[in-house]
N, C-alpha and C. Protein backbone atom coordinates (compact mmCIF):
# COMPACT_ATOMS: atom_id res chain seq x y z
N MET A 1 293.01 -26.46 -18.67
CA MET A 1 293.80 -25.76 -19.91
C MET A 1 293.53 -24.05 -19.20
N VAL A 2 294.56 -23.23 -19.76
CA VAL A 2 294.66 -22.12 -18.62
C VAL A 2 294.46 -20.89 -20.08
N ASN A 3 293.20 -20.08 -19.65
CA ASN A 3 293.33 -19.03 -20.47
C ASN A 3 294.47 -18.28 -20.56
N ALA A 4 294.83 -17.96 -22.25
CA ALA A 4 296.05 -16.86 -22.20
C ALA A 4 295.56 -15.54 -22.49
N ALA A 5 294.41 -15.27 -23.02
CA ALA A 5 294.17 -13.31 -22.88
C ALA A 5 292.75 -13.99 -23.74
N VAL A 6 292.12 -12.72 -23.71
CA VAL A 6 290.60 -12.80 -23.91
C VAL A 6 290.44 -11.59 -24.58
N ASP A 7 289.38 -11.69 -25.55
CA ASP A 7 289.32 -10.69 -27.15
C ASP A 7 288.15 -9.65 -26.56
N GLY A 8 287.77 -8.28 -26.81
CA GLY A 8 286.85 -7.54 -26.36
C GLY A 8 285.13 -8.76 -26.29
N GLY A 9 285.45 -9.56 -26.27
CA GLY A 9 284.05 -10.47 -26.51
C GLY A 9 283.86 -11.66 -25.09
N GLY A 10 285.09 -11.54 -24.62
CA GLY A 10 284.90 -12.51 -23.73
C GLY A 10 285.68 -13.79 -23.99
N ALA A 11 286.18 -14.31 -24.96
CA ALA A 11 286.12 -15.46 -25.58
C ALA A 11 287.67 -15.78 -25.18
N ALA A 12 288.31 -16.78 -25.26
CA ALA A 12 289.78 -17.63 -24.89
C ALA A 12 290.31 -16.99 -26.02
N ILE A 13 292.01 -16.84 -25.96
CA ILE A 13 292.14 -16.63 -27.51
C ILE A 13 293.73 -17.19 -27.14
N GLY A 14 293.85 -18.19 -26.16
CA GLY A 14 294.85 -18.91 -26.05
C GLY A 14 294.97 -19.76 -25.09
N ALA A 15 295.85 -20.47 -25.25
CA ALA A 15 295.55 -21.78 -23.86
C ALA A 15 296.73 -22.40 -23.98
N ALA A 16 297.01 -23.09 -22.58
CA ALA A 16 298.35 -24.13 -22.70
C ALA A 16 297.82 -25.80 -22.16
N VAL A 17 298.08 -26.55 -23.15
CA VAL A 17 296.99 -27.68 -22.94
C VAL A 17 298.75 -29.12 -23.38
N GLY A 18 298.83 -29.83 -22.34
CA GLY A 18 299.57 -30.83 -22.59
C GLY A 18 300.61 -30.17 -23.04
N GLY A 19 301.63 -29.49 -22.27
CA GLY A 19 302.71 -29.09 -22.75
C GLY A 19 302.97 -28.55 -23.90
N MET A 20 301.58 -28.22 -24.85
CA MET A 20 301.79 -27.00 -26.09
C MET A 20 301.30 -26.09 -25.38
N ILE A 21 301.85 -24.95 -26.03
CA ILE A 21 300.95 -23.08 -25.97
C ILE A 21 300.13 -23.45 -27.68
N ALA A 22 298.39 -22.98 -27.15
CA ALA A 22 297.76 -23.18 -28.44
C ALA A 22 297.82 -21.40 -28.81
N VAL A 23 297.37 -20.94 -29.30
CA VAL A 23 297.04 -19.42 -29.62
C VAL A 23 296.35 -19.26 -31.14
N ALA A 24 295.29 -18.55 -30.48
CA ALA A 24 294.23 -18.46 -31.91
C ALA A 24 294.51 -16.73 -32.12
N ALA A 25 293.63 -16.57 -33.46
CA ALA A 25 294.13 -15.11 -33.30
C ALA A 25 293.23 -14.51 -32.59
N PRO A 26 293.59 -12.64 -32.46
CA PRO A 26 292.63 -12.25 -31.45
C PRO A 26 290.86 -11.68 -32.51
N ALA A 27 290.51 -11.25 -31.67
CA ALA A 27 289.44 -10.34 -32.32
C ALA A 27 289.70 -8.89 -32.22
N VAL A 28 289.57 -8.00 -33.01
CA VAL A 28 289.89 -6.89 -32.97
C VAL A 28 288.90 -5.87 -33.22
N ALA A 29 288.24 -5.34 -33.15
CA ALA A 29 286.93 -4.30 -32.97
C ALA A 29 287.34 -3.81 -34.70
N GLY A 30 285.87 -3.79 -35.45
CA GLY A 30 285.78 -2.93 -36.88
C GLY A 30 286.79 -4.16 -38.06
N ALA A 31 287.39 -5.19 -37.23
CA ALA A 31 288.03 -6.17 -38.40
C ALA A 31 287.06 -7.24 -38.24
N PRO A 32 287.47 -8.09 -39.78
CA PRO A 32 286.59 -9.51 -40.17
C PRO A 32 286.55 -10.38 -38.64
N ALA A 33 286.02 -11.04 -38.56
CA ALA A 33 286.63 -11.97 -36.98
C ALA A 33 287.16 -12.91 -37.79
N PRO A 34 288.56 -13.51 -36.79
CA PRO A 34 289.32 -14.43 -37.23
C PRO A 34 289.11 -15.84 -37.59
N SER A 35 290.01 -16.39 -38.02
CA SER A 35 289.17 -18.01 -38.61
C SER A 35 289.48 -18.57 -36.81
N SER A 36 288.43 -19.67 -36.85
CA SER A 36 288.57 -20.69 -36.11
C SER A 36 289.67 -21.17 -35.75
N GLY A 37 290.60 -20.86 -36.25
CA GLY A 37 292.21 -22.19 -36.45
C GLY A 37 293.25 -21.21 -35.37
N GLY A 38 294.05 -21.57 -35.74
CA GLY A 38 295.20 -21.39 -34.50
C GLY A 38 296.51 -21.69 -34.53
N TYR A 39 297.44 -21.54 -33.82
CA TYR A 39 298.55 -22.28 -33.92
C TYR A 39 299.07 -22.60 -32.62
N LYS A 40 300.09 -23.83 -32.58
CA LYS A 40 300.54 -24.51 -31.19
C LYS A 40 301.62 -24.36 -31.53
N PHE A 41 302.43 -23.95 -29.91
CA PHE A 41 304.29 -23.54 -30.04
C PHE A 41 304.23 -24.49 -28.38
N SER A 42 305.29 -25.33 -29.03
CA SER A 42 306.44 -25.82 -27.58
C SER A 42 306.94 -24.62 -26.40
N ARG A 43 306.87 -25.16 -25.50
CA ARG A 43 307.54 -24.03 -24.04
C ARG A 43 308.99 -23.55 -24.82
N GLU A 44 309.43 -24.25 -25.65
CA GLU A 44 311.03 -23.88 -26.09
C GLU A 44 310.68 -22.87 -27.84
N GLU A 45 309.82 -23.11 -28.28
CA GLU A 45 309.31 -22.11 -29.02
C GLU A 45 308.74 -20.74 -28.62
N ILE A 46 307.91 -20.73 -28.16
CA ILE A 46 307.24 -19.51 -27.69
C ILE A 46 307.87 -18.46 -27.33
N ASP A 47 309.29 -18.21 -26.51
CA ASP A 47 310.07 -16.99 -26.62
C ASP A 47 310.21 -16.26 -27.86
N ASP A 48 310.72 -17.36 -28.58
CA ASP A 48 311.59 -16.57 -29.67
C ASP A 48 310.20 -16.10 -30.71
N VAL A 49 308.66 -16.61 -30.51
CA VAL A 49 307.53 -16.41 -31.38
C VAL A 49 307.69 -15.09 -30.80
N ILE A 50 307.19 -15.36 -29.46
CA ILE A 50 307.04 -13.61 -29.32
C ILE A 50 308.36 -12.27 -29.51
N ARG A 51 308.88 -12.75 -29.44
CA ARG A 51 310.47 -11.83 -29.78
C ARG A 51 310.37 -11.41 -31.28
N GLN A 52 309.64 -12.21 -31.93
CA GLN A 52 309.06 -12.04 -33.30
C GLN A 52 308.02 -10.87 -33.59
N TRP A 53 307.01 -11.11 -32.82
CA TRP A 53 305.78 -10.36 -32.88
C TRP A 53 306.73 -8.84 -32.19
N GLU A 54 306.92 -8.88 -30.94
CA GLU A 54 307.38 -7.69 -31.01
C GLU A 54 308.70 -6.69 -31.36
N ASP A 55 309.41 -7.58 -32.22
CA ASP A 55 309.80 -6.97 -33.40
C ASP A 55 309.13 -5.90 -34.49
N LEU A 56 308.18 -7.06 -34.77
CA LEU A 56 306.81 -6.41 -35.95
C LEU A 56 306.56 -5.24 -35.06
N HIS A 57 305.88 -5.14 -33.87
CA HIS A 57 305.18 -4.47 -32.76
C HIS A 57 306.24 -2.98 -33.40
N GLY A 58 307.16 -3.15 -33.27
CA GLY A 58 308.43 -1.91 -33.18
C GLY A 58 308.18 -1.65 -34.55
N LYS A 59 308.35 -2.08 -35.62
CA LYS A 59 308.31 -1.44 -36.79
C LYS A 59 306.78 -0.96 -36.91
N LEU A 60 306.00 -1.19 -36.30
CA LEU A 60 304.56 -0.78 -36.85
C LEU A 60 304.78 0.55 -36.03
N LEU A 61 305.32 0.67 -35.00
CA LEU A 61 305.13 2.24 -33.97
C LEU A 61 306.13 2.90 -35.23
N GLU A 62 307.17 2.45 -35.98
CA GLU A 62 308.32 3.27 -36.52
C GLU A 62 307.20 3.72 -37.47
N ASP A 63 306.53 2.93 -38.28
CA ASP A 63 305.95 3.36 -39.41
C ASP A 63 304.41 4.68 -38.84
N ARG A 64 303.86 4.18 -37.50
CA ARG A 64 302.76 5.22 -36.97
C ARG A 64 303.65 6.53 -37.32
N ARG A 65 304.51 6.67 -36.70
CA ARG A 65 305.09 7.78 -36.84
C ARG A 65 305.46 8.32 -38.01
N THR A 66 305.76 7.76 -38.80
CA THR A 66 306.46 8.12 -40.31
C THR A 66 304.72 8.08 -40.86
N ALA A 67 304.10 7.77 -40.55
CA ALA A 67 302.09 8.08 -41.40
C ALA A 67 301.52 9.44 -41.80
N ASN A 68 302.25 9.98 -40.67
CA ASN A 68 301.81 11.53 -40.60
C ASN A 68 302.13 12.58 -41.63
N TYR A 69 303.22 12.13 -42.05
CA TYR A 69 303.89 12.51 -43.48
C TYR A 69 303.34 12.57 -44.36
N MET A 70 302.23 11.33 -44.22
CA MET A 70 301.20 10.57 -45.38
C MET A 70 300.20 11.99 -45.53
N ILE A 71 299.85 11.92 -44.10
CA ILE A 71 298.16 12.88 -43.90
C ILE A 71 298.57 14.08 -43.79
N GLY A 72 299.66 15.23 -43.69
CA GLY A 72 299.54 16.54 -44.09
C GLY A 72 300.53 17.15 -45.29
N VAL A 73 300.36 15.88 -46.53
CA VAL A 73 300.79 16.07 -47.67
C VAL A 73 300.43 17.85 -47.74
N ARG A 74 301.23 18.73 -48.42
CA ARG A 74 300.90 19.99 -49.04
C ARG A 74 301.28 20.10 -50.55
N PRO A 75 300.66 21.06 -51.02
CA PRO A 75 300.70 21.18 -52.53
C PRO A 75 301.71 21.70 -52.37
N PRO A 76 302.71 21.52 -53.46
CA PRO A 76 304.43 22.33 -53.60
C PRO A 76 303.32 23.46 -54.56
N GLY A 77 302.97 23.66 -55.16
CA GLY A 77 302.46 24.97 -56.01
C GLY A 77 301.32 25.30 -55.87
N ALA A 78 300.75 26.28 -55.85
CA ALA A 78 298.96 26.82 -55.97
C ALA A 78 298.36 26.82 -57.34
N GLU A 79 298.50 25.34 -58.23
CA GLU A 79 297.81 25.36 -59.06
C GLU A 79 297.06 23.62 -58.90
N PRO A 80 296.06 23.43 -59.88
CA PRO A 80 295.59 22.32 -60.03
C PRO A 80 295.99 21.35 -59.82
N ALA A 81 296.90 20.73 -60.20
CA ALA A 81 297.58 19.59 -60.42
C ALA A 81 297.87 19.27 -58.94
N SER A 82 298.78 19.72 -58.44
CA SER A 82 299.27 19.53 -57.49
C SER A 82 297.94 19.78 -55.72
N GLU A 83 297.41 20.75 -56.11
CA GLU A 83 296.42 20.72 -55.23
C GLU A 83 294.70 19.65 -55.63
N ASP A 84 294.97 18.50 -56.85
CA ASP A 84 294.38 17.66 -56.77
C ASP A 84 294.85 16.33 -56.01
N PHE A 85 296.44 16.41 -56.24
CA PHE A 85 297.22 15.66 -55.74
C PHE A 85 297.16 15.38 -53.98
N THR A 86 297.19 16.26 -53.46
CA THR A 86 297.09 16.51 -52.16
C THR A 86 295.46 15.78 -51.91
N ALA A 87 294.47 16.43 -52.89
CA ALA A 87 293.58 16.16 -51.85
C ALA A 87 293.26 14.47 -52.52
N SER A 88 293.82 14.10 -52.91
CA SER A 88 293.75 12.27 -53.05
C SER A 88 294.55 11.77 -52.06
N ALA A 89 295.96 12.25 -51.46
CA ALA A 89 296.71 11.92 -51.13
C ALA A 89 296.46 11.97 -49.72
N ASN A 90 295.96 12.82 -48.88
CA ASN A 90 295.77 13.19 -47.84
C ASN A 90 294.50 12.00 -47.37
N PRO A 91 293.70 11.88 -47.85
CA PRO A 91 293.07 11.08 -47.54
C PRO A 91 293.59 9.50 -47.43
N SER A 92 294.04 9.03 -48.11
CA SER A 92 295.27 7.79 -48.25
C SER A 92 295.88 7.88 -47.42
N GLY A 93 296.51 8.86 -47.07
CA GLY A 93 297.73 8.77 -45.62
C GLY A 93 296.43 8.35 -44.15
N THR A 94 295.49 8.85 -44.23
CA THR A 94 294.81 8.87 -43.53
C THR A 94 293.74 7.53 -43.15
N ALA A 95 294.15 6.91 -44.47
CA ALA A 95 293.67 5.05 -44.44
C ALA A 95 294.31 4.44 -43.97
N PHE A 96 295.24 4.42 -44.35
CA PHE A 96 296.84 3.97 -43.66
C PHE A 96 296.87 4.10 -42.48
N ALA A 97 296.62 5.42 -42.73
CA ALA A 97 296.83 5.74 -40.69
C ALA A 97 296.01 4.44 -39.82
N GLN A 98 294.77 4.64 -39.97
CA GLN A 98 293.57 3.56 -39.62
C GLN A 98 293.98 2.74 -40.07
N ALA A 99 294.50 1.85 -40.96
CA ALA A 99 294.99 0.47 -40.82
C ALA A 99 296.08 0.19 -40.08
N LEU A 100 296.92 1.34 -40.10
CA LEU A 100 298.18 0.72 -38.94
C LEU A 100 297.64 0.38 -37.58
N GLU A 101 296.84 1.43 -37.51
CA GLU A 101 296.33 1.54 -35.96
C GLU A 101 295.57 0.42 -35.48
N LYS A 102 295.25 -0.15 -36.82
CA LYS A 102 294.64 -1.83 -36.14
C LYS A 102 295.49 -3.07 -36.07
N MET A 103 296.15 -2.63 -37.22
CA MET A 103 297.35 -3.80 -37.32
C MET A 103 298.36 -3.71 -35.68
N ILE A 104 298.66 -2.65 -34.95
CA ILE A 104 299.19 -2.46 -33.77
C ILE A 104 298.54 -2.85 -32.90
N ASP A 105 296.96 -2.28 -32.98
CA ASP A 105 296.35 -3.61 -31.99
C ASP A 105 296.12 -4.83 -32.09
N TYR A 106 296.07 -4.97 -32.97
CA TYR A 106 296.35 -6.63 -33.31
C TYR A 106 296.99 -7.56 -32.75
N VAL A 107 298.18 -6.88 -33.18
CA VAL A 107 299.81 -7.02 -32.40
C VAL A 107 299.95 -7.30 -31.42
N GLN A 108 299.70 -6.32 -30.45
CA GLN A 108 299.48 -6.08 -29.21
C GLN A 108 298.77 -7.06 -28.29
N ARG A 109 297.73 -7.49 -28.96
CA ARG A 109 296.91 -8.45 -28.65
C ARG A 109 297.18 -9.97 -28.83
N TYR A 110 298.15 -10.14 -29.43
CA TYR A 110 298.24 -11.31 -30.47
C TYR A 110 299.68 -11.74 -29.09
N ILE A 111 300.76 -10.25 -28.55
CA ILE A 111 301.65 -10.20 -28.03
C ILE A 111 301.36 -10.99 -26.93
N GLN A 112 300.06 -10.61 -26.01
CA GLN A 112 299.67 -10.02 -24.55
C GLN A 112 299.26 -11.64 -24.51
N ALA A 113 298.60 -12.53 -25.61
CA ALA A 113 298.48 -13.96 -25.71
C ALA A 113 298.80 -14.65 -25.66
N LEU A 114 300.30 -14.71 -25.99
CA LEU A 114 301.04 -15.45 -25.85
C LEU A 114 301.86 -14.77 -25.07
N ARG A 115 302.56 -14.32 -24.41
CA ARG A 115 302.77 -14.04 -23.14
C ARG A 115 302.25 -14.88 -22.31
N ASN A 116 300.60 -14.82 -22.20
CA ASN A 116 299.30 -15.34 -21.28
C ASN A 116 299.71 -16.48 -21.21
N ALA A 117 299.58 -17.38 -22.90
CA ALA A 117 299.74 -19.10 -22.50
C ALA A 117 301.03 -19.04 -22.29
N ARG A 118 302.24 -18.29 -22.19
CA ARG A 118 303.36 -18.99 -22.27
C ARG A 118 303.36 -18.77 -20.03
N ASP A 119 302.78 -17.58 -19.51
CA ASP A 119 303.00 -17.78 -18.28
C ASP A 119 302.27 -19.00 -17.46
N GLY A 120 301.03 -18.92 -17.95
CA GLY A 120 299.73 -19.75 -18.26
C GLY A 120 300.50 -21.23 -17.73
N ILE A 121 301.49 -21.98 -18.59
CA ILE A 121 302.44 -22.84 -19.10
C ILE A 121 302.75 -22.99 -17.53
N THR A 122 303.96 -22.25 -17.83
CA THR A 122 304.84 -22.04 -16.88
C THR A 122 304.36 -22.18 -14.83
N THR A 123 303.35 -21.52 -15.36
CA THR A 123 302.34 -21.53 -13.46
C THR A 123 302.31 -22.87 -13.18
N ARG A 124 301.46 -23.22 -14.23
CA ARG A 124 301.11 -25.25 -14.31
C ARG A 124 302.18 -25.93 -13.46
N GLU A 125 303.36 -25.71 -14.83
CA GLU A 125 304.28 -26.81 -14.42
C GLU A 125 305.20 -26.22 -13.11
N ASP A 126 304.87 -24.91 -12.58
CA ASP A 126 305.55 -24.55 -10.91
C ASP A 126 304.56 -25.63 -10.32
N GLU A 127 303.25 -25.54 -10.45
CA GLU A 127 301.95 -25.96 -9.61
C GLU A 127 302.53 -27.80 -9.34
N SER A 128 302.38 -28.19 -10.41
CA SER A 128 302.66 -29.73 -10.69
C SER A 128 304.27 -29.49 -10.02
N GLN A 129 305.10 -29.40 -10.26
CA GLN A 129 306.60 -29.34 -9.49
C GLN A 129 306.24 -29.47 -8.09
N GLU A 130 305.55 -28.69 -8.04
CA GLU A 130 305.35 -28.05 -5.76
C GLU A 130 304.67 -29.44 -5.25
N HIS A 131 303.50 -29.73 -6.07
CA HIS A 131 302.68 -30.96 -5.81
C HIS A 131 303.64 -32.71 -6.17
N ILE A 132 304.55 -32.47 -7.26
CA ILE A 132 305.41 -33.65 -6.83
C ILE A 132 306.16 -33.73 -5.89
N SER A 133 306.56 -32.33 -5.46
CA SER A 133 307.97 -32.38 -3.92
C SER A 133 307.00 -32.93 -2.45
N ASN A 134 305.73 -32.32 -2.66
CA ASN A 134 304.98 -32.56 -1.62
C ASN A 134 304.46 -34.10 -1.70
N VAL A 135 303.85 -34.61 -2.38
CA VAL A 135 304.20 -35.77 -2.38
C VAL A 135 305.36 -36.88 -1.80
N GLY A 136 306.39 -36.44 -2.64
CA GLY A 136 307.51 -36.95 -2.39
C GLY A 136 308.15 -36.67 -0.71
N SER A 137 307.78 -35.98 -0.42
CA SER A 137 308.14 -35.71 1.12
C SER A 137 307.14 -36.06 2.28
N GLY A 138 305.66 -36.49 1.74
CA GLY A 138 305.39 -37.39 2.51
C GLY A 138 303.71 -36.19 2.97
N VAL A 139 304.35 -34.88 2.66
CA VAL A 139 303.46 -33.86 3.20
C VAL A 139 302.28 -33.72 1.75
N MET A 140 300.62 -33.70 2.12
CA MET A 140 299.99 -33.28 0.95
C MET A 140 299.02 -32.47 1.55
N GLU A 141 298.92 -31.57 0.68
CA GLU A 141 297.80 -30.35 1.08
C GLU A 141 296.57 -31.13 0.27
N VAL A 142 295.29 -30.81 1.30
CA VAL A 142 294.06 -30.86 0.63
C VAL A 142 293.17 -29.69 0.60
């Protein structure tokens, strides 16, 4: 079993097992613990899955840039209705930005787990091929 990534608590969240790449959800500080389930991908599927998560990551970064507009709402006029609106809008924008940061952290950790799992299986395949080549040539390292 090849560890793919480690959350803050030291638990493995991804592994390469039997030609399949298994990845569990990463733990994120302040978020509920992820379920014990996970996903399995073949070697052929993993790069596409990573690309999809990287696309999501890019969209979340765009959202983070625009979230500041939600935090800095100013009343259009100096009257109670406008001031009441901004008193509600700014905290809502702040909560959105905080949730967005947690999503970005989660996605970054999941991408890293996927990459580590992919790289772990590639390393094991390379080591196996080298071992097979050594056996075939009569050279064996012990």
